Amino acid sequence: MKKLLFISALFVAQYCFAQAPTADVQFPSQNHQFGKVKKGVPVTFVFNFKNVSEKPVVIEFANAECGCTTPEYPKTPVSKGQAGTIKVTYNAATEGVFKKNVNVKFANSTQPYVLTIEGEVLPEKPAATPPK
């Protein structure tokens, strides 16, 4: 019984002193709403982030969920306290509402980041026909 009590106390102590993982970077916003956009006219948004860790951070990858969305990111380390950007472009080729995610992974970090862009691609207006 004493052994069980001791083991239980050990687990409780470990739980109480465990720290939540801290983020290596901070994004002011991880979502962007484009609103209504013209069909066939690509739209771009730049997500900013700051390295709040004690060491340089490197983006291991930034993957879009489809070929209609293209992320661009620095391949070099972002130093402690410095800012970086991830540019996300949506090609707006298809009419309708869209919501696209870009999954970002920093090297040596367990924290995943998801950047989201949303909007609505409007149909093209038919060309005006000249009067007869």
N, C-alpha and C. Protein backbone atom coordinates (compact mmCIF):
# COMPACT_ATOMS: atom_id res chain seq x y z
N MET A 1 0.82 -1.19 0.00
CA MET A 1 0.00 0.00 0.00
C MET A 1 0.87 1.26 0.00
N LYS A 2 1.94 1.23 0.82
CA LYS A 2 2.84 2.39 0.87
C LYS A 2 3.51 2.60 -0.48
N LYS A 3 3.83 1.51 -1.15
CA LYS A 3 4.47 1.58 -2.46
C LYS A 3 3.53 2.25 -3.47
N LEU A 4 2.28 1.87 -3.44
CA LEU A 4 1.28 2.42 -4.34
C LEU A 4 1.09 3.92 -4.07
N LEU A 5 1.05 4.28 -2.83
CA LEU A 5 0.90 5.69 -2.44
C LEU A 5 2.11 6.49 -2.90
N PHE A 6 3.30 5.94 -2.75
CA PHE A 6 4.53 6.62 -3.16
C PHE A 6 4.56 6.82 -4.69
N ILE A 7 4.19 5.78 -5.43
CA ILE A 7 4.18 5.86 -6.89
C ILE A 7 3.14 6.88 -7.35
N SER A 8 1.97 6.89 -6.71
CA SER A 8 0.93 7.87 -7.06
C SER A 8 1.43 9.29 -6.80
N ALA A 9 2.08 9.50 -5.68
CA ALA A 9 2.61 10.82 -5.34
C ALA A 9 3.67 11.25 -6.35
N LEU A 10 4.46 10.32 -6.82
CA LEU A 10 5.49 10.61 -7.81
C LEU A 10 4.85 11.08 -9.12
N PHE A 11 3.79 10.40 -9.58
CA PHE A 11 3.10 10.79 -10.80
C PHE A 11 2.45 12.17 -10.66
N VAL A 12 1.86 12.43 -9.51
CA VAL A 12 1.22 13.74 -9.27
C VAL A 12 2.28 14.83 -9.30
N ALA A 13 3.40 14.61 -8.67
CA ALA A 13 4.47 15.60 -8.65
C ALA A 13 5.01 15.85 -10.06
N GLN A 14 5.18 14.79 -10.80
CA GLN A 14 5.68 14.93 -12.16
C GLN A 14 4.68 15.72 -13.01
N TYR A 15 3.40 15.46 -12.85
CA TYR A 15 2.36 16.17 -13.59
C TYR A 15 2.35 17.65 -13.23
N CYS A 16 2.49 17.96 -11.96
CA CYS A 16 2.43 19.34 -11.49
C CYS A 16 3.62 20.16 -11.97
N PHE A 17 4.77 19.55 -12.09
CA PHE A 17 5.97 20.28 -12.47
C PHE A 17 6.26 20.23 -13.96
N ALA A 18 5.49 19.47 -14.70
CA ALA A 18 5.69 19.40 -16.14
C ALA A 18 5.31 20.74 -16.75
N GLN A 19 6.13 21.20 -17.71
CA GLN A 19 5.86 22.46 -18.36
C GLN A 19 5.31 22.21 -19.76
N ALA A 20 4.40 23.04 -20.14
CA ALA A 20 3.88 22.95 -21.50
C ALA A 20 4.97 23.37 -22.46
N PRO A 21 5.01 22.75 -23.66
CA PRO A 21 6.03 23.14 -24.62
C PRO A 21 5.85 24.59 -25.02
N THR A 22 6.95 25.28 -25.18
CA THR A 22 6.88 26.68 -25.57
C THR A 22 7.10 26.80 -27.06
N ALA A 23 6.50 27.79 -27.63
CA ALA A 23 6.63 28.01 -29.07
C ALA A 23 7.97 28.67 -29.37
N ASP A 24 8.54 28.29 -30.51
CA ASP A 24 9.79 28.90 -30.95
C ASP A 24 9.55 30.20 -31.69
N VAL A 25 8.37 30.33 -32.29
CA VAL A 25 8.04 31.53 -33.05
C VAL A 25 6.64 31.99 -32.68
N GLN A 26 6.38 33.26 -32.96
CA GLN A 26 5.05 33.82 -32.74
C GLN A 26 4.56 34.45 -34.04
N PHE A 27 3.36 34.12 -34.42
CA PHE A 27 2.70 34.73 -35.58
C PHE A 27 1.66 35.70 -35.04
N PRO A 28 1.67 36.98 -35.47
CA PRO A 28 0.61 37.90 -35.06
C PRO A 28 -0.76 37.38 -35.51
N SER A 29 -0.78 36.72 -36.68
CA SER A 29 -2.01 36.14 -37.20
C SER A 29 -1.65 34.92 -38.03
N GLN A 30 -2.46 33.88 -37.91
CA GLN A 30 -2.25 32.68 -38.72
C GLN A 30 -3.40 32.49 -39.71
N ASN A 31 -4.26 33.50 -39.82
CA ASN A 31 -5.40 33.45 -40.73
C ASN A 31 -5.48 34.76 -41.51
N HIS A 32 -5.89 34.65 -42.78
CA HIS A 32 -6.12 35.85 -43.58
C HIS A 32 -7.36 35.66 -44.44
N GLN A 33 -8.22 36.66 -44.43
CA GLN A 33 -9.46 36.66 -45.21
C GLN A 33 -9.27 37.62 -46.38
N PHE A 34 -9.24 37.09 -47.61
CA PHE A 34 -9.11 37.93 -48.80
C PHE A 34 -10.41 38.62 -49.16
N GLY A 35 -11.52 38.03 -48.79
CA GLY A 35 -12.81 38.56 -49.22
C GLY A 35 -13.08 38.09 -50.64
N LYS A 36 -13.67 38.95 -51.45
CA LYS A 36 -14.02 38.58 -52.83
C LYS A 36 -12.85 38.95 -53.75
N VAL A 37 -12.46 37.97 -54.59
CA VAL A 37 -11.36 38.20 -55.52
C VAL A 37 -11.80 37.83 -56.94
N LYS A 38 -11.12 38.42 -57.93
CA LYS A 38 -11.45 38.15 -59.33
C LYS A 38 -10.87 36.81 -59.77
N LYS A 39 -11.65 36.11 -60.56
CA LYS A 39 -11.19 34.83 -61.10
C LYS A 39 -9.99 35.08 -62.01
N GLY A 40 -8.97 34.22 -61.86
CA GLY A 40 -7.79 34.30 -62.71
C GLY A 40 -6.76 35.33 -62.29
N VAL A 41 -7.02 36.05 -61.18
CA VAL A 41 -6.08 37.04 -60.69
C VAL A 41 -5.52 36.54 -59.36
N PRO A 42 -4.27 36.06 -59.35
CA PRO A 42 -3.69 35.53 -58.11
C PRO A 42 -3.68 36.57 -57.00
N VAL A 43 -3.86 36.10 -55.75
CA VAL A 43 -3.80 36.97 -54.58
C VAL A 43 -2.73 36.44 -53.64
N THR A 44 -2.07 37.37 -52.96
CA THR A 44 -0.94 37.02 -52.09
C THR A 44 -1.10 37.69 -50.74
N PHE A 45 -0.71 36.97 -49.70
CA PHE A 45 -0.65 37.53 -48.35
C PHE A 45 0.68 37.11 -47.73
N VAL A 46 1.29 38.01 -46.97
CA VAL A 46 2.55 37.71 -46.30
C VAL A 46 2.28 37.56 -44.80
N PHE A 47 2.53 36.36 -44.29
CA PHE A 47 2.43 36.10 -42.86
C PHE A 47 3.77 36.42 -42.21
N ASN A 48 3.72 37.20 -41.15
CA ASN A 48 4.94 37.56 -40.42
C ASN A 48 5.08 36.68 -39.19
N PHE A 49 6.32 36.39 -38.80
CA PHE A 49 6.57 35.68 -37.55
C PHE A 49 7.84 36.23 -36.92
N LYS A 50 7.97 35.99 -35.62
CA LYS A 50 9.15 36.43 -34.88
C LYS A 50 9.73 35.24 -34.14
N ASN A 51 11.05 35.12 -34.19
CA ASN A 51 11.75 34.07 -33.46
C ASN A 51 11.83 34.49 -31.99
N VAL A 52 11.12 33.78 -31.12
CA VAL A 52 11.13 34.10 -29.69
C VAL A 52 11.90 33.05 -28.90
N SER A 53 12.64 32.19 -29.60
CA SER A 53 13.42 31.17 -28.92
C SER A 53 14.81 31.72 -28.60
N GLU A 54 15.61 30.91 -27.96
CA GLU A 54 16.97 31.30 -27.59
C GLU A 54 17.99 30.94 -28.66
N LYS A 55 17.52 30.37 -29.76
CA LYS A 55 18.44 29.94 -30.82
C LYS A 55 17.85 30.29 -32.18
N PRO A 56 18.66 30.29 -33.23
CA PRO A 56 18.10 30.52 -34.57
C PRO A 56 17.09 29.43 -34.93
N VAL A 57 16.10 29.79 -35.74
CA VAL A 57 15.11 28.82 -36.20
C VAL A 57 15.19 28.73 -37.72
N VAL A 58 14.91 27.52 -38.22
CA VAL A 58 14.92 27.27 -39.65
C VAL A 58 13.60 26.60 -40.02
N ILE A 59 12.98 27.07 -41.09
CA ILE A 59 11.76 26.43 -41.56
C ILE A 59 12.18 25.17 -42.30
N GLU A 60 11.73 24.04 -41.80
CA GLU A 60 12.02 22.75 -42.43
C GLU A 60 11.18 22.59 -43.70
N PHE A 61 9.89 22.92 -43.59
CA PHE A 61 9.03 22.91 -44.78
C PHE A 61 7.80 23.76 -44.53
N ALA A 62 7.19 24.20 -45.62
CA ALA A 62 5.89 24.87 -45.61
C ALA A 62 5.14 24.28 -46.80
N ASN A 63 4.19 23.42 -46.51
CA ASN A 63 3.46 22.69 -47.56
C ASN A 63 2.01 23.14 -47.65
N ALA A 64 1.60 23.46 -48.87
CA ALA A 64 0.19 23.79 -49.13
C ALA A 64 -0.56 22.50 -49.38
N GLU A 65 -1.87 22.53 -49.11
CA GLU A 65 -2.65 21.31 -49.29
C GLU A 65 -3.03 21.05 -50.74
N CYS A 66 -2.78 21.99 -51.65
CA CYS A 66 -3.05 21.74 -53.06
C CYS A 66 -2.12 22.59 -53.93
N GLY A 67 -2.13 22.30 -55.22
CA GLY A 67 -1.26 23.02 -56.14
C GLY A 67 -1.72 24.44 -56.45
N CYS A 68 -2.90 24.81 -56.01
CA CYS A 68 -3.42 26.15 -56.26
C CYS A 68 -2.85 27.19 -55.29
N THR A 69 -2.14 26.72 -54.27
CA THR A 69 -1.59 27.60 -53.25
C THR A 69 -0.08 27.38 -53.18
N THR A 70 0.68 28.48 -53.20
CA THR A 70 2.13 28.38 -53.21
C THR A 70 2.73 29.18 -52.05
N PRO A 71 3.42 28.49 -51.12
CA PRO A 71 4.11 29.22 -50.06
C PRO A 71 5.58 29.48 -50.44
N GLU A 72 6.09 30.63 -50.05
CA GLU A 72 7.50 30.97 -50.22
C GLU A 72 8.02 31.37 -48.84
N TYR A 73 9.18 30.83 -48.46
CA TYR A 73 9.70 31.07 -47.12
C TYR A 73 11.23 31.12 -47.15
N PRO A 74 11.84 31.73 -46.13
CA PRO A 74 13.30 31.82 -46.11
C PRO A 74 13.92 30.44 -45.87
N LYS A 75 14.99 30.17 -46.58
CA LYS A 75 15.70 28.89 -46.42
C LYS A 75 16.86 29.03 -45.43
N THR A 76 17.14 30.26 -45.03
CA THR A 76 18.24 30.52 -44.10
C THR A 76 17.69 30.67 -42.68
N PRO A 77 18.53 30.47 -41.67
CA PRO A 77 18.06 30.61 -40.28
C PRO A 77 17.60 32.04 -39.97
N VAL A 78 16.60 32.12 -39.11
CA VAL A 78 16.12 33.41 -38.58
C VAL A 78 16.65 33.50 -37.16
N SER A 79 17.49 34.49 -36.91
CA SER A 79 18.16 34.63 -35.62
C SER A 79 17.20 34.96 -34.48
N LYS A 80 17.66 34.70 -33.28
CA LYS A 80 16.91 35.01 -32.05
C LYS A 80 16.47 36.47 -32.08
N GLY A 81 15.17 36.69 -31.85
CA GLY A 81 14.63 38.04 -31.79
C GLY A 81 14.32 38.66 -33.14
N GLN A 82 14.69 38.00 -34.23
CA GLN A 82 14.48 38.54 -35.57
C GLN A 82 13.13 38.09 -36.14
N ALA A 83 12.71 38.78 -37.19
CA ALA A 83 11.44 38.47 -37.84
C ALA A 83 11.68 37.77 -39.16
N GLY A 84 10.68 37.02 -39.59
CA GLY A 84 10.71 36.36 -40.89
C GLY A 84 9.33 36.42 -41.50
N THR A 85 9.23 36.01 -42.75
CA THR A 85 7.95 36.03 -43.45
C THR A 85 7.73 34.75 -44.23
N ILE A 86 6.46 34.43 -44.41
CA ILE A 86 6.05 33.34 -45.29
C ILE A 86 5.00 33.94 -46.22
N LYS A 87 5.32 33.96 -47.51
CA LYS A 87 4.42 34.54 -48.51
C LYS A 87 3.57 33.42 -49.11
N VAL A 88 2.25 33.60 -49.07
CA VAL A 88 1.32 32.59 -49.57
C VAL A 88 0.50 33.19 -50.72
N THR A 89 0.55 32.51 -51.88
CA THR A 89 -0.18 32.97 -53.06
C THR A 89 -1.21 31.93 -53.48
N TYR A 90 -2.42 32.40 -53.73
CA TYR A 90 -3.51 31.55 -54.22
C TYR A 90 -3.78 31.94 -55.66
N ASN A 91 -3.89 30.97 -56.57
CA ASN A 91 -4.01 31.29 -57.99
C ASN A 91 -5.40 31.74 -58.45
N ALA A 92 -6.42 31.56 -57.66
CA ALA A 92 -7.79 32.04 -57.95
C ALA A 92 -8.31 31.59 -59.31
N ALA A 93 -8.00 30.37 -59.71
CA ALA A 93 -8.42 29.87 -61.01
C ALA A 93 -9.82 29.28 -61.02
N THR A 94 -10.33 28.93 -59.85
CA THR A 94 -11.63 28.27 -59.77
C THR A 94 -12.63 29.14 -59.01
N GLU A 95 -13.83 29.29 -59.57
CA GLU A 95 -14.88 30.09 -58.92
C GLU A 95 -15.34 29.43 -57.63
N GLY A 96 -15.75 30.26 -56.68
CA GLY A 96 -16.35 29.76 -55.45
C GLY A 96 -15.54 30.10 -54.21
N VAL A 97 -16.07 29.65 -53.08
CA VAL A 97 -15.45 29.90 -51.79
C VAL A 97 -14.24 28.98 -51.64
N PHE A 98 -13.17 29.52 -51.07
CA PHE A 98 -11.99 28.69 -50.83
C PHE A 98 -11.46 28.91 -49.41
N LYS A 99 -10.86 27.86 -48.90
CA LYS A 99 -10.17 27.89 -47.61
C LYS A 99 -8.99 26.94 -47.75
N LYS A 100 -7.78 27.49 -47.73
CA LYS A 100 -6.58 26.70 -47.96
C LYS A 100 -5.63 26.84 -46.78
N ASN A 101 -5.01 25.72 -46.42
CA ASN A 101 -4.07 25.69 -45.31
C ASN A 101 -2.65 25.46 -45.82
N VAL A 102 -1.70 26.06 -45.13
CA VAL A 102 -0.28 25.80 -45.35
C VAL A 102 0.27 25.31 -44.03
N ASN A 103 0.82 24.09 -44.03
CA ASN A 103 1.41 23.51 -42.83
C ASN A 103 2.87 23.88 -42.77
N VAL A 104 3.28 24.47 -41.64
CA VAL A 104 4.65 24.95 -41.48
C VAL A 104 5.31 24.18 -40.35
N LYS A 105 6.52 23.68 -40.61
CA LYS A 105 7.29 22.94 -39.61
C LYS A 105 8.66 23.57 -39.49
N PHE A 106 9.01 23.97 -38.27
CA PHE A 106 10.34 24.49 -37.99
C PHE A 106 11.21 23.34 -37.50
N ALA A 107 12.47 23.32 -37.92
CA ALA A 107 13.40 22.27 -37.51
C ALA A 107 13.56 22.29 -35.99
N ASN A 108 13.69 21.12 -35.40
CA ASN A 108 13.89 20.94 -33.95
C ASN A 108 12.73 21.48 -33.11
N SER A 109 11.55 21.55 -33.69
CA SER A 109 10.37 22.03 -32.96
C SER A 109 9.27 20.99 -33.10
N THR A 110 8.57 20.76 -32.02
CA THR A 110 7.44 19.83 -32.07
C THR A 110 6.14 20.57 -32.35
N GLN A 111 6.19 21.90 -32.31
CA GLN A 111 4.99 22.72 -32.50
C GLN A 111 4.69 22.89 -33.98
N PRO A 112 3.57 22.35 -34.47
CA PRO A 112 3.20 22.60 -35.86
C PRO A 112 2.44 23.92 -35.97
N TYR A 113 2.53 24.56 -37.11
CA TYR A 113 1.80 25.81 -37.35
C TYR A 113 0.98 25.63 -38.62
N VAL A 114 -0.24 26.14 -38.61
CA VAL A 114 -1.11 26.07 -39.78
C VAL A 114 -1.51 27.51 -40.13
N LEU A 115 -1.16 27.92 -41.34
CA LEU A 115 -1.55 29.23 -41.85
C LEU A 115 -2.73 29.02 -42.78
N THR A 116 -3.75 29.86 -42.65
CA THR A 116 -4.98 29.67 -43.42
C THR A 116 -5.32 30.93 -44.19
N ILE A 117 -5.65 30.73 -45.47
CA ILE A 117 -6.17 31.83 -46.30
C ILE A 117 -7.58 31.44 -46.74
N GLU A 118 -8.45 32.45 -46.81
CA GLU A 118 -9.85 32.22 -47.19
C GLU A 118 -10.33 33.33 -48.10
N GLY A 119 -11.37 33.03 -48.84
CA GLY A 119 -11.99 34.04 -49.68
C GLY A 119 -13.01 33.44 -50.61
N GLU A 120 -13.42 34.24 -51.57
CA GLU A 120 -14.38 33.79 -52.58
C GLU A 120 -13.94 34.31 -53.94
N VAL A 121 -13.79 33.40 -54.89
CA VAL A 121 -13.45 33.78 -56.25
C VAL A 121 -14.74 34.02 -57.00
N LEU A 122 -14.89 35.23 -57.51
CA LEU A 122 -16.10 35.62 -58.23
C LEU A 122 -16.04 35.16 -59.68
N PRO A 123 -17.19 34.83 -60.26
CA PRO A 123 -17.20 34.44 -61.67
C PRO A 123 -16.80 35.61 -62.55
N GLU A 124 -16.21 35.29 -63.70
CA GLU A 124 -15.84 36.34 -64.64
C GLU A 124 -17.11 36.94 -65.22
N LYS A 125 -17.07 38.24 -65.40
CA LYS A 125 -18.23 38.91 -66.02
C LYS A 125 -18.15 38.65 -67.52
N PRO A 126 -19.30 38.32 -68.13
CA PRO A 126 -19.27 38.10 -69.57
C PRO A 126 -18.94 39.42 -70.29
N ALA A 127 -18.22 39.29 -71.40
CA ALA A 127 -17.86 40.48 -72.16
C ALA A 127 -19.13 41.12 -72.71
N ALA A 128 -19.15 42.41 -72.64
CA ALA A 128 -20.31 43.14 -73.16
C ALA A 128 -20.40 42.96 -74.67
N THR A 129 -21.59 42.70 -75.16
CA THR A 129 -21.77 42.55 -76.59
C THR A 129 -22.10 43.92 -77.18
N PRO A 130 -21.43 44.22 -78.28
CA PRO A 130 -21.69 45.55 -78.90
C PRO A 130 -23.12 45.62 -79.43
N PRO A 131 -23.75 46.79 -79.34
CA PRO A 131 -25.12 46.94 -79.86
C PRO A 131 -25.12 46.78 -81.38
N LYS A 132 -26.24 46.30 -81.92
CA LYS A 132 -26.36 46.09 -83.37
C LYS A 132 -26.99 47.25 -84.04
